[in-house]
Amino acid sequence: MLTVASLLAAMTIAGAFWVGVLAARRLRDWGEGRRAIDEGHAPPLALAAASGAPPDDPTSRRVRELVAERLSNPRARPGAIAPRQLVSADPGSRTELGLGTLRQGDVIVVEAADPGADGDYIAEGVVLLREGNTTTTVINMADGSRHRWLVGGSHLDEWLVLAPVAAHGLSGEPPRNIRRDRGDYTLQRRGQASAACTGRHERPEQPRVATYLYGGAARNVLWLERWGHEVLMAEGVRLDAGAVSFLPGS
């Protein structure tokens, strides 16, 4: 028969054996967890074993999933997104952002050395004027309390930056010559276009519009839009398309 001393010795040896087995398993799980983290695809259970967190804890499980997703997706890491840059408005520029693709909230930077035109504007509304095979874009934009219109297109070498004029007294068909405080203007071009408006464009909801471009002294211009009997007027300057650049708003 086994003595008490022999029984205690056997139990001690058995206990030491199982402690060794559990320790070996913990070391194995820890190694697998570290290897999975290094490779960027750690499974939730392996991370749980490596960190000691309970595998059935919902919060811990969600954190582990997010960590594993970030490790396996380089684009999700901080600094992976390239900084936004100003995009030239030159019609020949090979960019996606241009006058024809501007949306409400985008930024328009005008640097023409003209205090009445220069500024950092937010696009509030867009008017696309389709005439034959060409499209002219009119942007209703604001720089704080300053409101301006930008008129341009890929078919135009010079664009217009204009200040809206209220209470001008015109209605119906405009005359060929208009006198303003800045001088006399003469009609240079008249057109008829189909219109598509988005955002806060401040135009009547009509599908057709007549446009009028008047030239004055130096680079002064007058731009009119006739929507039915209602006439909208804006006065400003011509400038090179290269003086305008864009920055995406989002």
C-alpha atoms as a PDB file:
ATOM      1  CA  MET A   1       0.000   0.000   0.000  1.00  0.00           C
ATOM      2  CA  LEU A   2       1.120   3.603  -0.726  1.00  0.00           C
ATOM      3  CA  THR A   3       2.239   5.561   2.231  1.00  0.00           C
ATOM      4  CA  VAL A   4       1.091   9.116   2.841  1.00  0.00           C
ATOM      5  CA  ALA A   5       4.530  10.402   1.873  1.00  0.00           C
ATOM      6  CA  SER A   6       4.452   8.526  -1.470  1.00  0.00           C
ATOM      7  CA  LEU A   7       0.940   9.849  -2.244  1.00  0.00           C
ATOM      8  CA  LEU A   8       1.962  13.444  -1.564  1.00  0.00           C
ATOM      9  CA  ALA A   9       5.055  13.042  -3.746  1.00  0.00           C
ATOM     10  CA  ALA A  10       2.945  11.691  -6.621  1.00  0.00           C
ATOM     11  CA  MET A  11       0.449  14.574  -6.347  1.00  0.00           C
ATOM     12  CA  THR A  12       3.282  17.125  -6.337  1.00  0.00           C
ATOM     13  CA  ILE A  13       4.811  15.634  -9.485  1.00  0.00           C
ATOM     14  CA  ALA A  14       1.413  15.595 -11.248  1.00  0.00           C
ATOM     15  CA  GLY A  15       0.718  19.201 -10.282  1.00  0.00           C
ATOM     16  CA  ALA A  16       4.086  20.323 -11.571  1.00  0.00           C
ATOM     17  CA  PHE A  17       3.430  18.518 -14.861  1.00  0.00           C
ATOM     18  CA  TRP A  18       0.103  20.298 -15.476  1.00  0.00           C
ATOM     19  CA  VAL A  19       1.540  23.667 -14.491  1.00  0.00           C
ATOM     20  CA  GLY A  20       4.227  23.108 -17.095  1.00  0.00           C
ATOM     21  CA  VAL A  21       1.644  22.198 -19.728  1.00  0.00           C
ATOM     22  CA  LEU A  22      -0.437  25.341 -19.039  1.00  0.00           C
ATOM     23  CA  ALA A  23       2.668  27.516 -19.107  1.00  0.00           C
ATOM     24  CA  ALA A  24       3.726  26.025 -22.442  1.00  0.00           C
ATOM     25  CA  ARG A  25       0.272  26.697 -23.925  1.00  0.00           C
ATOM     26  CA  ARG A  26       0.313  30.302 -22.695  1.00  0.00           C
ATOM     27  CA  LEU A  27       3.767  30.837 -24.230  1.00  0.00           C
ATOM     28  CA  ARG A  28       2.570  29.284 -27.502  1.00  0.00           C
ATOM     29  CA  ASP A  29      -0.540  31.509 -27.606  1.00  0.00           C
ATOM     30  CA  TRP A  30       1.511  34.572 -26.784  1.00  0.00           C
ATOM     31  CA  GLY A  31       3.937  33.772 -29.605  1.00  0.00           C
ATOM     32  CA  GLU A  32       1.124  33.244 -32.106  1.00  0.00           C
ATOM     33  CA  GLY A  33      -0.493  36.527 -31.047  1.00  0.00           C
ATOM     34  CA  ARG A  34       2.728  38.498 -31.469  1.00  0.00           C
ATOM     35  CA  ARG A  35       3.393  36.886 -34.859  1.00  0.00           C
ATOM     36  CA  ALA A  36      -0.125  37.692 -36.058  1.00  0.00           C
ATOM     37  CA  ILE A  37       0.218  41.324 -34.954  1.00  0.00           C
ATOM     38  CA  ASP A  38       3.546  41.646 -36.782  1.00  0.00           C
ATOM     39  CA  GLU A  39       2.011  40.204 -39.955  1.00  0.00           C
ATOM     40  CA  GLY A  40      -0.992  42.553 -39.705  1.00  0.00           C
ATOM     41  CA  HIS A  41      -3.826  39.982 -39.526  1.00  0.00           C
ATOM     42  CA  ALA A  42      -4.223  39.067 -35.903  1.00  0.00           C
ATOM     43  CA  PRO A  43      -7.344  36.975 -35.232  1.00  0.00           C
ATOM     44  CA  PRO A  44      -9.455  38.193 -32.293  1.00  0.00           C
ATOM     45  CA  LEU A  45      -8.919  35.023 -30.230  1.00  0.00           C
ATOM     46  CA  ALA A  46      -5.169  35.113 -30.647  1.00  0.00           C
ATOM     47  CA  LEU A  47      -5.108  38.757 -29.553  1.00  0.00           C
ATOM     48  CA  ALA A  48      -7.251  37.869 -26.561  1.00  0.00           C
ATOM     49  CA  ALA A  49      -4.869  35.106 -25.507  1.00  0.00           C
ATOM     50  CA  ALA A  50      -1.873  37.364 -25.982  1.00  0.00           C
ATOM     51  CA  SER A  51      -3.359  40.249 -24.004  1.00  0.00           C
ATOM     52  CA  GLY A  52      -5.107  38.162 -21.358  1.00  0.00           C
ATOM     53  CA  ALA A  53      -8.508  39.795 -22.096  1.00  0.00           C
ATOM     54  CA  PRO A  54     -11.583  37.572 -21.868  1.00  0.00           C
ATOM     55  CA  PRO A  55     -12.491  36.367 -25.404  1.00  0.00           C
ATOM     56  CA  ASP A  56     -16.223  36.865 -24.798  1.00  0.00           C
ATOM     57  CA  ASP A  57     -15.971  40.555 -23.716  1.00  0.00           C
ATOM     58  CA  PRO A  58     -17.858  42.535 -26.437  1.00  0.00           C
ATOM     59  CA  THR A  59     -15.888  45.752 -25.867  1.00  0.00           C
ATOM     60  CA  SER A  60     -12.530  44.031 -25.966  1.00  0.00           C
ATOM     61  CA  ARG A  61     -13.569  42.030 -29.018  1.00  0.00           C
ATOM     62  CA  ARG A  62     -14.570  45.222 -30.910  1.00  0.00           C
ATOM     63  CA  VAL A  63     -11.284  46.921 -30.014  1.00  0.00           C
ATOM     64  CA  ARG A  64      -9.361  43.892 -31.231  1.00  0.00           C
ATOM     65  CA  GLU A  65     -11.295  43.876 -34.506  1.00  0.00           C
ATOM     66  CA  LEU A  66     -10.511  47.563 -35.101  1.00  0.00           C
ATOM     67  CA  VAL A  67      -6.838  47.011 -34.319  1.00  0.00           C
ATOM     68  CA  ALA A  68      -6.690  44.039 -36.673  1.00  0.00           C
ATOM     69  CA  GLU A  69      -8.450  46.066 -39.410  1.00  0.00           C
ATOM     70  CA  ARG A  70      -6.013  48.930 -39.040  1.00  0.00           C
ATOM     71  CA  LEU A  71      -3.015  46.586 -39.140  1.00  0.00           C
ATOM     72  CA  SER A  72      -4.277  44.876 -42.288  1.00  0.00           C
ATOM     73  CA  ASN A  73      -5.276  48.147 -44.059  1.00  0.00           C
ATOM     74  CA  PRO A  74      -2.367  50.569 -44.581  1.00  0.00           C
ATOM     75  CA  ARG A  75      -4.722  53.285 -45.862  1.00  0.00           C
ATOM     76  CA  ALA A  76      -6.363  53.435 -42.440  1.00  0.00           C
ATOM     77  CA  ARG A  77      -3.123  54.383 -40.720  1.00  0.00           C
ATOM     78  CA  PRO A  78      -2.520  58.042 -39.809  1.00  0.00           C
ATOM     79  CA  GLY A  79      -0.618  59.983 -42.474  1.00  0.00           C
ATOM     80  CA  ALA A  80      -1.663  57.677 -45.303  1.00  0.00           C
ATOM     81  CA  ILE A  81      -3.853  60.340 -46.948  1.00  0.00           C
ATOM     82  CA  ALA A  82      -1.992  62.808 -49.140  1.00  0.00           C
ATOM     83  CA  PRO A  83      -2.509  66.487 -48.272  1.00  0.00           C
ATOM     84  CA  ARG A  84      -4.907  68.456 -50.444  1.00  0.00           C
ATOM     85  CA  GLN A  85      -3.299  70.855 -52.889  1.00  0.00           C
ATOM     86  CA  LEU A  86      -4.433  73.848 -54.893  1.00  0.00           C
ATOM     87  CA  VAL A  87      -5.435  72.872 -58.408  1.00  0.00           C
ATOM     88  CA  SER A  88      -4.705  75.204 -61.295  1.00  0.00           C
ATOM     89  CA  ALA A  89      -7.665  76.534 -63.236  1.00  0.00           C
ATOM     90  CA  ASP A  90      -5.666  76.396 -66.476  1.00  0.00           C
ATOM     91  CA  PRO A  91      -7.925  74.566 -68.989  1.00  0.00           C
ATOM     92  CA  GLY A  92      -4.931  72.442 -70.058  1.00  0.00           C
ATOM     93  CA  SER A  93      -4.194  71.275 -66.530  1.00  0.00           C
ATOM     94  CA  ARG A  94      -4.444  67.505 -66.110  1.00  0.00           C
ATOM     95  CA  THR A  95      -6.569  67.502 -62.959  1.00  0.00           C
ATOM     96  CA  GLU A  96      -9.984  66.267 -61.908  1.00  0.00           C
ATOM     97  CA  LEU A  97     -10.994  69.433 -60.078  1.00  0.00           C
ATOM     98  CA  GLY A  98     -11.814  72.280 -62.432  1.00  0.00           C
ATOM     99  CA  LEU A  99     -14.382  74.933 -63.169  1.00  0.00           C
ATOM    100  CA  GLY A 100     -16.781  72.384 -64.675  1.00  0.00           C
ATOM    101  CA  THR A 101     -16.559  70.033 -61.676  1.00  0.00           C
ATOM    102  CA  LEU A 102     -16.871  72.547 -58.831  1.00  0.00           C
ATOM    103  CA  ARG A 103     -19.486  71.824 -56.198  1.00  0.00           C
ATOM    104  CA  GLN A 104     -21.106  73.809 -53.444  1.00  0.00           C
ATOM    105  CA  GLY A 105     -18.594  74.268 -50.616  1.00  0.00           C
ATOM    106  CA  ASP A 106     -15.431  74.140 -52.745  1.00  0.00           C
ATOM    107  CA  VAL A 107     -12.885  76.949 -52.377  1.00  0.00           C
ATOM    108  CA  ILE A 108     -12.010  79.379 -55.182  1.00  0.00           C
ATOM    109  CA  VAL A 109      -8.824  81.423 -54.843  1.00  0.00           C
ATOM    110  CA  VAL A 110      -8.512  84.533 -57.047  1.00  0.00           C
ATOM    111  CA  GLU A 111      -5.082  86.201 -57.249  1.00  0.00           C
ATOM    112  CA  ALA A 112      -5.242  88.828 -59.997  1.00  0.00           C
ATOM    113  CA  ALA A 113      -3.683  91.806 -58.167  1.00  0.00           C
ATOM    114  CA  ASP A 114      -7.113  93.468 -58.187  1.00  0.00           C
ATOM    115  CA  PRO A 115      -8.553  94.314 -54.751  1.00  0.00           C
ATOM    116  CA  GLY A 116     -12.101  94.143 -56.090  1.00  0.00           C
ATOM    117  CA  ALA A 117     -11.635  90.612 -57.418  1.00  0.00           C
ATOM    118  CA  ASP A 118      -9.003  88.925 -55.248  1.00  0.00           C
ATOM    119  CA  GLY A 119     -10.067  86.716 -52.371  1.00  0.00           C
ATOM    120  CA  ASP A 120     -10.625  83.216 -50.998  1.00  0.00           C
ATOM    121  CA  TYR A 121     -14.217  82.409 -51.901  1.00  0.00           C
ATOM    122  CA  ILE A 122     -16.624  79.601 -51.056  1.00  0.00           C
ATOM    123  CA  ALA A 123     -18.748  78.299 -53.923  1.00  0.00           C
ATOM    124  CA  GLU A 124     -22.403  78.687 -52.954  1.00  0.00           C
ATOM    125  CA  GLY A 125     -24.154  77.943 -56.248  1.00  0.00           C
ATOM    126  CA  VAL A 126     -23.326  76.764 -59.757  1.00  0.00           C
ATOM    127  CA  VAL A 127     -25.012  77.722 -63.036  1.00  0.00           C
ATOM    128  CA  LEU A 128     -24.151  75.749 -66.181  1.00  0.00           C
ATOM    129  CA  LEU A 129     -25.031  77.556 -69.414  1.00  0.00           C
ATOM    130  CA  ARG A 130     -25.052  75.259 -72.438  1.00  0.00           C
ATOM    131  CA  GLU A 131     -24.893  77.030 -75.810  1.00  0.00           C
ATOM    132  CA  GLY A 132     -24.263  74.806 -78.837  1.00  0.00           C
ATOM    133  CA  ASN A 133     -21.116  72.781 -78.165  1.00  0.00           C
ATOM    134  CA  THR A 134     -19.792  75.018 -75.403  1.00  0.00           C
ATOM    135  CA  THR A 135     -20.610  75.329 -71.708  1.00  0.00           C
ATOM    136  CA  THR A 136     -20.072  78.492 -69.698  1.00  0.00           C
ATOM    137  CA  THR A 137     -19.995  78.138 -65.914  1.00  0.00           C
ATOM    138  CA  VAL A 138     -21.167  80.846 -63.538  1.00  0.00           C
ATOM    139  CA  ILE A 139     -20.204  80.359 -59.877  1.00  0.00           C
ATOM    140  CA  ASN A 140     -22.065  82.281 -57.189  1.00  0.00           C
ATOM    141  CA  MET A 141     -19.373  82.652 -54.503  1.00  0.00           C
ATOM    142  CA  ALA A 142     -18.766  84.493 -51.242  1.00  0.00           C
ATOM    143  CA  ASP A 143     -15.780  85.685 -49.219  1.00  0.00           C
ATOM    144  CA  GLY A 144     -17.375  86.646 -45.925  1.00  0.00           C
ATOM    145  CA  SER A 145     -19.841  89.414 -46.730  1.00  0.00           C
ATOM    146  CA  ARG A 146     -18.394  89.930 -50.227  1.00  0.00           C
ATOM    147  CA  HIS A 147     -20.402  88.238 -52.980  1.00  0.00           C
ATOM    148  CA  ARG A 148     -19.016  87.718 -56.461  1.00  0.00           C
ATOM    149  CA  TRP A 149     -19.756  85.782 -59.646  1.00  0.00           C
ATOM    150  CA  LEU A 150     -17.052  83.877 -61.485  1.00  0.00           C
ATOM    151  CA  VAL A 151     -17.803  83.413 -65.191  1.00  0.00           C
ATOM    152  CA  GLY A 152     -15.558  81.137 -67.227  1.00  0.00           C
ATOM    153  CA  GLY A 153     -15.174  78.078 -69.386  1.00  0.00           C
ATOM    154  CA  SER A 154     -12.575  75.970 -71.171  1.00  0.00           C
ATOM    155  CA  HIS A 155     -13.366  77.826 -74.413  1.00  0.00           C
ATOM    156  CA  LEU A 156     -12.508  81.217 -72.870  1.00  0.00           C
ATOM    157  CA  ASP A 157      -8.972  82.579 -72.441  1.00  0.00           C
ATOM    158  CA  GLU A 158     -10.187  85.244 -70.037  1.00  0.00           C
ATOM    159  CA  TRP A 159     -12.628  84.770 -67.190  1.00  0.00           C
ATOM    160  CA  LEU A 160     -14.750  87.329 -65.349  1.00  0.00           C
ATOM    161  CA  VAL A 161     -14.987  88.173 -61.650  1.00  0.00           C
ATOM    162  CA  LEU A 162     -18.074  90.280 -61.081  1.00  0.00           C
ATOM    163  CA  ALA A 163     -19.928  92.012 -58.265  1.00  0.00           C
ATOM    164  CA  PRO A 164     -23.738  91.650 -58.477  1.00  0.00           C
ATOM    165  CA  VAL A 165     -25.564  94.948 -59.084  1.00  0.00           C
ATOM    166  CA  ALA A 166     -28.946  95.522 -57.446  1.00  0.00           C
ATOM    167  CA  ALA A 167     -31.547  98.136 -58.415  1.00  0.00           C
ATOM    168  CA  HIS A 168     -30.102  98.672 -61.893  1.00  0.00           C
ATOM    169  CA  GLY A 169     -33.494  99.528 -63.352  1.00  0.00           C
ATOM    170  CA  LEU A 170     -33.352  97.228 -66.410  1.00  0.00           C
ATOM    171  CA  SER A 171     -36.046  94.780 -67.502  1.00  0.00           C
ATOM    172  CA  GLY A 172     -36.806  92.980 -70.735  1.00  0.00           C
ATOM    173  CA  GLU A 173     -34.332  93.282 -73.633  1.00  0.00           C
ATOM    174  CA  PRO A 174     -31.266  95.310 -72.532  1.00  0.00           C
ATOM    175  CA  PRO A 175     -29.973  98.209 -74.678  1.00  0.00           C
ATOM    176  CA  ARG A 176     -26.774  98.069 -76.706  1.00  0.00           C
ATOM    177  CA  ASN A 177     -25.076 100.702 -74.569  1.00  0.00           C
ATOM    178  CA  ILE A 178     -25.194 101.055 -70.784  1.00  0.00           C
ATOM    179  CA  ARG A 179     -23.719 103.865 -68.691  1.00  0.00           C
ATOM    180  CA  ARG A 180     -22.447 103.121 -65.206  1.00  0.00           C
ATOM    181  CA  ASP A 181     -20.377 105.001 -62.623  1.00  0.00           C
ATOM    182  CA  ARG A 182     -17.277 103.192 -63.857  1.00  0.00           C
ATOM    183  CA  GLY A 183     -17.878 104.322 -67.443  1.00  0.00           C
ATOM    184  CA  ASP A 184     -19.767 103.395 -70.585  1.00  0.00           C
ATOM    185  CA  TYR A 185     -20.264  99.807 -71.729  1.00  0.00           C
ATOM    186  CA  THR A 186     -20.990  98.533 -75.237  1.00  0.00           C
ATOM    187  CA  LEU A 187     -22.565  95.182 -76.086  1.00  0.00           C
ATOM    188  CA  GLN A 188     -19.947  92.743 -77.398  1.00  0.00           C
ATOM    189  CA  ARG A 189     -21.743  89.409 -77.407  1.00  0.00           C
ATOM    190  CA  ARG A 190     -25.235  88.084 -76.931  1.00  0.00           C
ATOM    191  CA  GLY A 191     -26.241  84.434 -76.520  1.00  0.00           C
ATOM    192  CA  GLN A 192     -29.075  82.047 -75.697  1.00  0.00           C
ATOM    193  CA  ALA A 193     -28.361  79.075 -73.471  1.00  0.00           C
ATOM    194  CA  SER A 194     -30.054  76.240 -71.643  1.00  0.00           C
ATOM    195  CA  ALA A 195     -29.467  76.492 -67.898  1.00  0.00           C
ATOM    196  CA  ALA A 196     -28.867  73.961 -65.128  1.00  0.00           C
ATOM    197  CA  CYS A 197     -28.543  75.402 -61.607  1.00  0.00           C
ATOM    198  CA  THR A 198     -27.484  73.819 -58.302  1.00  0.00           C
ATOM    199  CA  GLY A 199     -26.957  75.145 -54.788  1.00  0.00           C
ATOM    200  CA  ARG A 200     -27.678  78.748 -53.789  1.00  0.00           C
ATOM    201  CA  HIS A 201     -27.478  80.103 -57.321  1.00  0.00           C
ATOM    202  CA  GLU A 202     -30.037  82.914 -56.802  1.00  0.00           C
ATOM    203  CA  ARG A 203     -31.532  82.524 -60.273  1.00  0.00           C
ATOM    204  CA  PRO A 204     -35.131  81.994 -61.368  1.00  0.00           C
ATOM    205  CA  GLU A 205     -36.139  78.384 -61.902  1.00  0.00           C
ATOM    206  CA  GLN A 206     -36.248  78.577 -65.698  1.00  0.00           C
ATOM    207  CA  PRO A 207     -34.635  76.308 -68.302  1.00  0.00           C
ATOM    208  CA  ARG A 208     -33.468  79.062 -70.697  1.00  0.00           C
ATOM    209  CA  VAL A 209     -31.555  82.313 -70.266  1.00  0.00           C
ATOM    210  CA  ALA A 210     -30.197  85.060 -72.515  1.00  0.00           C
ATOM    211  CA  THR A 211     -26.697  86.349 -71.714  1.00  0.00           C
ATOM    212  CA  TYR A 212     -25.060  89.663 -72.617  1.00  0.00           C
ATOM    213  CA  LEU A 213     -21.401  90.646 -72.356  1.00  0.00           C
ATOM    214  CA  TYR A 214     -20.505  94.346 -72.424  1.00  0.00           C
ATOM    215  CA  GLY A 215     -17.004  95.799 -72.668  1.00  0.00           C
ATOM    216  CA  GLY A 216     -15.824  99.001 -71.056  1.00  0.00           C
ATOM    217  CA  ALA A 217     -12.564 100.863 -70.473  1.00  0.00           C
ATOM    218  CA  ALA A 218      -9.432  98.839 -69.728  1.00  0.00           C
ATOM    219  CA  ARG A 219     -10.508  95.411 -68.426  1.00  0.00           C
ATOM    220  CA  ASN A 220     -13.919  96.481 -67.133  1.00  0.00           C
ATOM    221  CA  VAL A 221     -16.879  94.307 -68.129  1.00  0.00           C
ATOM    222  CA  LEU A 222     -20.597  94.117 -67.549  1.00  0.00           C
ATOM    223  CA  TRP A 223     -22.458  90.778 -67.530  1.00  0.00           C
ATOM    224  CA  LEU A 224     -26.237  90.506 -67.857  1.00  0.00           C
ATOM    225  CA  GLU A 225     -28.585  87.516 -67.650  1.00  0.00           C
ATOM    226  CA  ARG A 226     -32.190  87.844 -68.803  1.00  0.00           C
ATOM    227  CA  TRP A 227     -34.527  85.245 -67.325  1.00  0.00           C
ATOM    228  CA  GLY A 228     -37.813  86.021 -69.025  1.00  0.00           C
ATOM    229  CA  HIS A 229     -38.387  89.699 -68.217  1.00  0.00           C
ATOM    230  CA  GLU A 230     -36.121  89.668 -65.151  1.00  0.00           C
ATOM    231  CA  VAL A 231     -32.589  90.957 -65.737  1.00  0.00           C
ATOM    232  CA  LEU A 232     -29.624  90.187 -63.451  1.00  0.00           C
ATOM    233  CA  MET A 233     -26.525  92.392 -63.694  1.00  0.00           C
ATOM    234  CA  ALA A 234     -22.949  92.089 -62.435  1.00  0.00           C
ATOM    235  CA  GLU A 235     -19.979  94.411 -62.984  1.00  0.00           C
ATOM    236  CA  GLY A 236     -16.299  93.581 -62.737  1.00  0.00           C
ATOM    237  CA  VAL A 237     -13.099  92.790 -64.605  1.00  0.00           C
ATOM    238  CA  ARG A 238     -11.600  90.314 -67.036  1.00  0.00           C
ATOM    239  CA  LEU A 239      -8.668  88.243 -65.788  1.00  0.00           C
ATOM    240  CA  ASP A 240      -6.446  85.418 -66.975  1.00  0.00           C
ATOM    241  CA  ALA A 241      -7.735  81.939 -66.198  1.00  0.00           C
ATOM    242  CA  GLY A 242      -4.398  81.161 -64.543  1.00  0.00           C
ATOM    243  CA  ALA A 243      -5.185  83.702 -61.807  1.00  0.00           C
ATOM    244  CA  VAL A 244      -7.883  81.363 -60.445  1.00  0.00           C
ATOM    245  CA  SER A 245      -7.228  78.142 -58.541  1.00  0.00           C
ATOM    246  CA  PHE A 246      -9.432  75.684 -56.683  1.00  0.00           C
ATOM    247  CA  LEU A 247      -9.330  73.686 -53.473  1.00  0.00           C
ATOM    248  CA  PRO A 248     -11.800  70.874 -52.748  1.00  0.00           C
ATOM    249  CA  GLY A 249     -14.100  71.687 -49.892  1.00  0.00           C
ATOM    250  CA  SER A 250     -14.317  68.020 -48.638  1.00  0.00           C
END
